Amino acid sequence: MALITPQDVKDYTTFPIVKNRPDKLLEDDILEAEIEIESVTGHRFTDPEFNPLPRPVKLAAIKLAQFYAVLNSDEDRARGVKQERFENYSYTFADGQNIQKPDIGFLLAKYIRKDDPERGVKMRMRII
């Protein structure tokens, strides 16, 4: 089950491209956001201890889903194109910059698993 809904993302965003994005595509953007959050924290947030979902986690999921929605809806931004020319036509992004991934580390810091054996430093020693 998804942590957030396409309507959550549409209610939060101010970007028309996200508001007008089909729900099916937003569900895929949400999936990308959830996978990233799981990778960062080590939690799936489907356990009963996270019911209801903590607000910082929900906000992080919405911000990431919005980012992926904008990125996935504009092929040129995904490729990092700043200027393109086709015959007598050329264009440059208005801001001249690529979209930046939101920093959600501060929202998720409290929920990062410290006991996960897959995380942390691994050190191997051998006798010389």
N, C-alpha and C. Protein backbone atom coordinates (compact mmCIF):
# COMPACT_ATOMS: atom_id res chain seq x y z
N MET A 1 0.84 -1.18 0.00
CA MET A 1 0.00 0.00 0.00
C MET A 1 0.88 1.24 0.00
N ALA A 2 0.48 2.22 -0.80
CA ALA A 2 1.26 3.45 -0.94
C ALA A 2 1.16 4.31 0.32
N LEU A 3 2.25 5.02 0.60
CA LEU A 3 2.28 5.91 1.75
C LEU A 3 1.42 7.14 1.52
N ILE A 4 1.37 7.59 0.27
CA ILE A 4 0.59 8.78 -0.09
C ILE A 4 -0.21 8.48 -1.35
N THR A 5 -1.11 9.37 -1.67
CA THR A 5 -1.95 9.20 -2.86
C THR A 5 -1.60 10.27 -3.90
N PRO A 6 -1.98 10.04 -5.14
CA PRO A 6 -1.78 11.09 -6.14
C PRO A 6 -2.47 12.40 -5.74
N GLN A 7 -3.60 12.30 -5.06
CA GLN A 7 -4.29 13.52 -4.63
C GLN A 7 -3.48 14.29 -3.60
N ASP A 8 -2.75 13.59 -2.72
CA ASP A 8 -1.87 14.26 -1.76
C ASP A 8 -0.83 15.11 -2.48
N VAL A 9 -0.26 14.56 -3.54
CA VAL A 9 0.76 15.28 -4.31
C VAL A 9 0.12 16.47 -5.01
N LYS A 10 -1.03 16.28 -5.62
CA LYS A 10 -1.71 17.37 -6.33
C LYS A 10 -2.14 18.48 -5.37
N ASP A 11 -2.56 18.12 -4.16
CA ASP A 11 -2.95 19.13 -3.18
C ASP A 11 -1.75 19.95 -2.70
N TYR A 12 -0.58 19.35 -2.66
CA TYR A 12 0.62 20.02 -2.15
C TYR A 12 1.29 20.91 -3.19
N THR A 13 1.33 20.45 -4.43
CA THR A 13 2.14 21.11 -5.44
C THR A 13 1.55 22.43 -5.94
N THR A 14 2.44 23.27 -6.44
CA THR A 14 2.02 24.50 -7.12
C THR A 14 2.36 24.43 -8.60
N PHE A 15 2.97 23.31 -9.03
CA PHE A 15 3.36 23.15 -10.42
C PHE A 15 2.18 22.65 -11.25
N PRO A 16 1.76 23.40 -12.27
CA PRO A 16 0.66 22.94 -13.12
C PRO A 16 0.95 21.59 -13.79
N ILE A 17 2.21 21.35 -14.14
CA ILE A 17 2.57 20.10 -14.80
C ILE A 17 2.30 18.89 -13.90
N VAL A 18 2.42 19.08 -12.58
CA VAL A 18 2.14 18.01 -11.62
C VAL A 18 0.65 17.89 -11.38
N LYS A 19 -0.04 19.03 -11.24
CA LYS A 19 -1.49 19.01 -11.01
C LYS A 19 -2.23 18.33 -12.15
N ASN A 20 -1.71 18.46 -13.38
CA ASN A 20 -2.38 17.91 -14.56
C ASN A 20 -1.86 16.53 -14.94
N ARG A 21 -0.93 16.01 -14.19
CA ARG A 21 -0.36 14.69 -14.50
C ARG A 21 -1.38 13.60 -14.17
N PRO A 22 -1.55 12.61 -15.05
CA PRO A 22 -2.51 11.53 -14.78
C PRO A 22 -2.15 10.76 -13.51
N ASP A 23 -3.17 10.32 -12.79
CA ASP A 23 -2.96 9.61 -11.53
C ASP A 23 -2.09 8.37 -11.70
N LYS A 24 -2.25 7.65 -12.80
CA LYS A 24 -1.45 6.44 -13.03
C LYS A 24 0.03 6.78 -13.07
N LEU A 25 0.39 7.87 -13.72
CA LEU A 25 1.80 8.27 -13.77
C LEU A 25 2.27 8.78 -12.41
N LEU A 26 1.40 9.47 -11.70
CA LEU A 26 1.76 9.93 -10.35
C LEU A 26 1.99 8.75 -9.41
N GLU A 27 1.24 7.68 -9.59
CA GLU A 27 1.45 6.48 -8.77
C GLU A 27 2.86 5.92 -8.98
N ASP A 28 3.35 5.98 -10.22
CA ASP A 28 4.71 5.52 -10.49
C ASP A 28 5.73 6.46 -9.86
N ASP A 29 5.46 7.77 -9.90
CA ASP A 29 6.35 8.74 -9.25
C ASP A 29 6.38 8.52 -7.74
N ILE A 30 5.24 8.20 -7.17
CA ILE A 30 5.14 7.92 -5.74
C ILE A 30 5.93 6.66 -5.40
N LEU A 31 5.85 5.65 -6.25
CA LEU A 31 6.61 4.42 -6.04
C LEU A 31 8.11 4.71 -6.01
N GLU A 32 8.58 5.54 -6.94
CA GLU A 32 10.00 5.92 -6.94
C GLU A 32 10.38 6.60 -5.63
N ALA A 33 9.52 7.50 -5.16
CA ALA A 33 9.78 8.21 -3.91
C ALA A 33 9.83 7.25 -2.73
N GLU A 34 8.89 6.32 -2.68
CA GLU A 34 8.84 5.35 -1.57
C GLU A 34 10.07 4.44 -1.56
N ILE A 35 10.51 4.03 -2.73
CA ILE A 35 11.70 3.18 -2.81
C ILE A 35 12.93 3.95 -2.31
N GLU A 36 13.02 5.21 -2.66
CA GLU A 36 14.15 6.01 -2.20
C GLU A 36 14.10 6.20 -0.68
N ILE A 37 12.92 6.47 -0.15
CA ILE A 37 12.78 6.64 1.29
C ILE A 37 13.13 5.35 2.02
N GLU A 38 12.69 4.22 1.49
CA GLU A 38 13.03 2.93 2.10
C GLU A 38 14.54 2.70 2.07
N SER A 39 15.16 3.08 0.98
CA SER A 39 16.60 2.91 0.86
C SER A 39 17.37 3.78 1.86
N VAL A 40 16.89 4.99 2.08
CA VAL A 40 17.55 5.92 3.00
C VAL A 40 17.35 5.51 4.45
N THR A 41 16.14 5.11 4.80
CA THR A 41 15.82 4.87 6.21
C THR A 41 15.96 3.41 6.65
N GLY A 42 15.78 2.47 5.73
CA GLY A 42 15.78 1.07 6.11
C GLY A 42 14.41 0.60 6.57
N HIS A 43 13.39 1.44 6.45
CA HIS A 43 12.01 1.10 6.83
C HIS A 43 11.11 1.15 5.60
N ARG A 44 10.08 0.31 5.63
CA ARG A 44 9.05 0.37 4.59
C ARG A 44 7.87 1.21 5.03
N PHE A 45 7.78 1.53 6.30
CA PHE A 45 6.71 2.35 6.89
C PHE A 45 5.33 1.74 6.72
N THR A 46 5.28 0.41 6.60
CA THR A 46 4.00 -0.29 6.55
C THR A 46 3.71 -1.02 7.85
N ASP A 47 4.68 -1.02 8.77
CA ASP A 47 4.49 -1.67 10.07
C ASP A 47 3.48 -0.89 10.91
N PRO A 48 2.80 -1.58 11.83
CA PRO A 48 1.81 -0.90 12.68
C PRO A 48 2.39 0.25 13.50
N GLU A 49 3.69 0.20 13.81
CA GLU A 49 4.29 1.29 14.59
C GLU A 49 4.28 2.62 13.83
N PHE A 50 4.13 2.57 12.51
CA PHE A 50 4.10 3.78 11.69
C PHE A 50 2.68 4.11 11.22
N ASN A 51 1.68 3.63 11.97
CA ASN A 51 0.29 3.92 11.63
C ASN A 51 -0.30 4.79 12.74
N PRO A 52 -0.62 6.01 12.50
CA PRO A 52 -0.58 6.72 11.23
C PRO A 52 0.85 7.09 10.84
N LEU A 53 1.03 7.34 9.56
CA LEU A 53 2.32 7.70 9.01
C LEU A 53 2.78 9.02 9.61
N PRO A 54 4.02 9.08 10.14
CA PRO A 54 4.51 10.34 10.70
C PRO A 54 4.52 11.46 9.65
N ARG A 55 4.14 12.64 10.07
CA ARG A 55 4.05 13.78 9.14
C ARG A 55 5.35 14.06 8.40
N PRO A 56 6.53 13.99 9.07
CA PRO A 56 7.77 14.25 8.33
C PRO A 56 8.00 13.24 7.20
N VAL A 57 7.63 11.99 7.42
CA VAL A 57 7.80 10.97 6.39
C VAL A 57 6.83 11.23 5.24
N LYS A 58 5.61 11.60 5.57
CA LYS A 58 4.62 11.90 4.54
C LYS A 58 5.06 13.10 3.70
N LEU A 59 5.56 14.13 4.36
CA LEU A 59 6.02 15.31 3.64
C LEU A 59 7.21 14.96 2.75
N ALA A 60 8.13 14.15 3.24
CA ALA A 60 9.28 13.73 2.44
C ALA A 60 8.80 12.95 1.20
N ALA A 61 7.83 12.08 1.38
CA ALA A 61 7.30 11.30 0.25
C ALA A 61 6.63 12.21 -0.78
N ILE A 62 5.89 13.19 -0.31
CA ILE A 62 5.22 14.12 -1.23
C ILE A 62 6.24 14.95 -1.99
N LYS A 63 7.25 15.46 -1.29
CA LYS A 63 8.27 16.27 -1.95
C LYS A 63 9.02 15.47 -3.01
N LEU A 64 9.39 14.24 -2.67
CA LEU A 64 10.10 13.40 -3.63
C LEU A 64 9.21 13.02 -4.81
N ALA A 65 7.95 12.69 -4.54
CA ALA A 65 7.03 12.34 -5.61
C ALA A 65 6.83 13.52 -6.56
N GLN A 66 6.72 14.71 -5.99
CA GLN A 66 6.59 15.91 -6.82
C GLN A 66 7.83 16.09 -7.70
N PHE A 67 9.01 15.89 -7.12
CA PHE A 67 10.26 15.99 -7.87
C PHE A 67 10.26 15.00 -9.03
N TYR A 68 9.93 13.75 -8.75
CA TYR A 68 9.92 12.74 -9.81
C TYR A 68 8.85 13.03 -10.86
N ALA A 69 7.72 13.59 -10.44
CA ALA A 69 6.67 13.94 -11.40
C ALA A 69 7.16 15.01 -12.38
N VAL A 70 7.82 16.03 -11.86
CA VAL A 70 8.35 17.09 -12.73
C VAL A 70 9.44 16.52 -13.62
N LEU A 71 10.34 15.77 -13.04
CA LEU A 71 11.46 15.20 -13.80
C LEU A 71 10.96 14.25 -14.89
N ASN A 72 10.03 13.38 -14.54
CA ASN A 72 9.55 12.38 -15.50
C ASN A 72 8.62 12.96 -16.56
N SER A 73 8.11 14.15 -16.34
CA SER A 73 7.20 14.72 -17.32
C SER A 73 7.90 15.60 -18.34
N ASP A 74 9.18 15.85 -18.15
CA ASP A 74 9.91 16.71 -19.07
C ASP A 74 11.21 16.03 -19.47
N GLU A 75 11.22 15.44 -20.65
CA GLU A 75 12.37 14.67 -21.11
C GLU A 75 13.64 15.52 -21.18
N ASP A 76 13.52 16.78 -21.58
CA ASP A 76 14.70 17.63 -21.69
C ASP A 76 15.33 17.90 -20.33
N ARG A 77 14.51 18.12 -19.30
CA ARG A 77 15.07 18.32 -17.96
C ARG A 77 15.74 17.04 -17.46
N ALA A 78 15.15 15.90 -17.78
CA ALA A 78 15.73 14.63 -17.35
C ALA A 78 17.09 14.43 -18.00
N ARG A 79 17.24 14.88 -19.23
CA ARG A 79 18.52 14.74 -19.92
C ARG A 79 19.48 15.86 -19.54
N GLY A 80 18.99 16.91 -18.87
CA GLY A 80 19.84 18.02 -18.48
C GLY A 80 20.06 19.02 -19.61
N VAL A 81 19.18 19.05 -20.61
CA VAL A 81 19.32 19.97 -21.73
C VAL A 81 19.08 21.39 -21.26
N LYS A 82 19.99 22.28 -21.60
CA LYS A 82 19.81 23.69 -21.26
C LYS A 82 19.47 24.49 -22.51
N GLN A 83 19.97 24.03 -23.63
CA GLN A 83 19.69 24.72 -24.87
C GLN A 83 19.62 23.69 -25.98
N GLU A 84 18.69 23.89 -26.89
CA GLU A 84 18.57 22.95 -27.99
C GLU A 84 18.21 23.72 -29.24
N ARG A 85 18.71 23.25 -30.36
CA ARG A 85 18.46 23.93 -31.63
C ARG A 85 17.94 22.90 -32.63
N PHE A 86 16.89 23.29 -33.36
CA PHE A 86 16.32 22.44 -34.39
C PHE A 86 16.00 23.34 -35.58
N GLU A 87 16.77 23.18 -36.66
CA GLU A 87 16.69 24.03 -37.84
C GLU A 87 16.78 25.50 -37.41
N ASN A 88 15.72 26.29 -37.60
CA ASN A 88 15.77 27.71 -37.26
C ASN A 88 15.17 28.00 -35.88
N TYR A 89 14.93 26.98 -35.10
CA TYR A 89 14.27 27.14 -33.80
C TYR A 89 15.23 26.70 -32.71
N SER A 90 15.33 27.49 -31.65
CA SER A 90 16.15 27.09 -30.50
C SER A 90 15.47 27.56 -29.23
N TYR A 91 15.79 26.92 -28.12
CA TYR A 91 15.23 27.34 -26.84
C TYR A 91 16.21 27.04 -25.73
N THR A 92 16.05 27.78 -24.66
CA THR A 92 16.83 27.58 -23.44
C THR A 92 15.84 27.59 -22.29
N PHE A 93 16.12 26.82 -21.23
CA PHE A 93 15.25 26.86 -20.06
C PHE A 93 15.25 28.28 -19.51
N ALA A 94 14.10 28.72 -19.04
CA ALA A 94 13.96 30.08 -18.54
C ALA A 94 14.93 30.36 -17.40
N ASP A 95 15.11 29.40 -16.50
CA ASP A 95 15.99 29.63 -15.35
C ASP A 95 17.42 29.22 -15.64
N GLY A 96 17.66 28.52 -16.76
CA GLY A 96 19.00 28.10 -17.10
C GLY A 96 19.56 27.03 -16.18
N GLN A 97 18.73 26.44 -15.32
CA GLN A 97 19.21 25.44 -14.38
C GLN A 97 18.37 24.17 -14.47
N ASN A 98 18.96 23.11 -13.98
CA ASN A 98 18.23 21.85 -13.87
C ASN A 98 17.44 21.85 -12.57
N ILE A 99 16.42 21.03 -12.54
CA ILE A 99 15.64 20.88 -11.31
C ILE A 99 16.51 20.16 -10.27
N GLN A 100 16.43 20.59 -9.03
CA GLN A 100 17.22 20.02 -7.95
C GLN A 100 16.35 19.08 -7.11
N LYS A 101 16.93 17.94 -6.74
CA LYS A 101 16.22 17.00 -5.87
C LYS A 101 16.09 17.63 -4.49
N PRO A 102 14.91 17.56 -3.88
CA PRO A 102 14.74 18.16 -2.56
C PRO A 102 15.57 17.42 -1.50
N ASP A 103 16.09 18.18 -0.55
CA ASP A 103 16.85 17.60 0.55
C ASP A 103 15.85 17.14 1.61
N ILE A 104 15.68 15.85 1.72
CA ILE A 104 14.70 15.31 2.68
C ILE A 104 15.39 14.65 3.87
N GLY A 105 16.71 14.75 3.91
CA GLY A 105 17.46 14.12 4.98
C GLY A 105 17.04 14.58 6.37
N PHE A 106 16.78 15.87 6.51
CA PHE A 106 16.36 16.39 7.81
C PHE A 106 14.98 15.90 8.20
N LEU A 107 14.13 15.59 7.25
CA LEU A 107 12.80 15.07 7.56
C LEU A 107 12.86 13.60 7.99
N LEU A 108 13.82 12.87 7.44
CA LEU A 108 13.90 11.43 7.69
C LEU A 108 14.95 11.04 8.73
N ALA A 109 15.75 11.98 9.19
CA ALA A 109 16.87 11.66 10.09
C ALA A 109 16.44 10.85 11.31
N LYS A 110 15.32 11.18 11.89
CA LYS A 110 14.83 10.50 13.09
C LYS A 110 14.46 9.04 12.82
N TYR A 111 14.18 8.69 11.57
CA TYR A 111 13.66 7.36 11.23
C TYR A 111 14.69 6.44 10.59
N ILE A 112 15.93 6.87 10.50
CA ILE A 112 16.97 6.04 9.88
C ILE A 112 17.38 4.94 10.85
N ARG A 113 17.31 3.70 10.37
CA ARG A 113 17.67 2.54 11.21
C ARG A 113 19.16 2.54 11.44
N LYS A 114 19.52 2.40 12.69
CA LYS A 114 20.93 2.33 13.05
C LYS A 114 21.39 0.88 13.23
N ASP A 115 20.43 -0.03 13.43
CA ASP A 115 20.75 -1.43 13.71
C ASP A 115 20.78 -2.32 12.47
N ASP A 116 20.62 -1.74 11.30
CA ASP A 116 20.59 -2.53 10.07
C ASP A 116 22.00 -3.03 9.75
N PRO A 117 22.19 -4.35 9.68
CA PRO A 117 23.53 -4.88 9.42
C PRO A 117 24.06 -4.53 8.03
N GLU A 118 23.18 -4.16 7.11
CA GLU A 118 23.61 -3.79 5.76
C GLU A 118 24.15 -2.37 5.72
N ARG A 119 23.92 -1.59 6.77
CA ARG A 119 24.39 -0.21 6.82
C ARG A 119 25.64 -0.12 7.66
N GLY A 120 26.33 0.96 7.50
CA GLY A 120 27.49 1.20 8.32
C GLY A 120 28.78 0.76 7.64
N VAL A 121 29.85 0.85 8.38
CA VAL A 121 31.17 0.55 7.86
C VAL A 121 31.49 -0.92 8.09
N LYS A 122 32.01 -1.55 7.07
CA LYS A 122 32.48 -2.92 7.20
C LYS A 122 34.00 -2.88 7.07
N MET A 123 34.66 -3.57 7.97
CA MET A 123 36.10 -3.55 7.94
C MET A 123 36.61 -4.99 7.99
N ARG A 124 37.51 -5.29 7.12
CA ARG A 124 38.12 -6.62 7.11
C ARG A 124 39.59 -6.48 7.45
N MET A 125 40.03 -7.36 8.29
CA MET A 125 41.45 -7.34 8.68
C MET A 125 42.05 -8.70 8.37
N ARG A 126 43.30 -8.68 8.06
CA ARG A 126 44.01 -9.94 7.84
C ARG A 126 45.42 -9.82 8.38
N ILE A 127 45.98 -10.93 8.66
CA ILE A 127 47.34 -10.96 9.18
C ILE A 127 48.30 -10.83 8.02
N ILE A 128 49.31 -9.98 8.21
CA ILE A 128 50.29 -9.79 7.14
C ILE A 128 51.53 -10.61 7.44
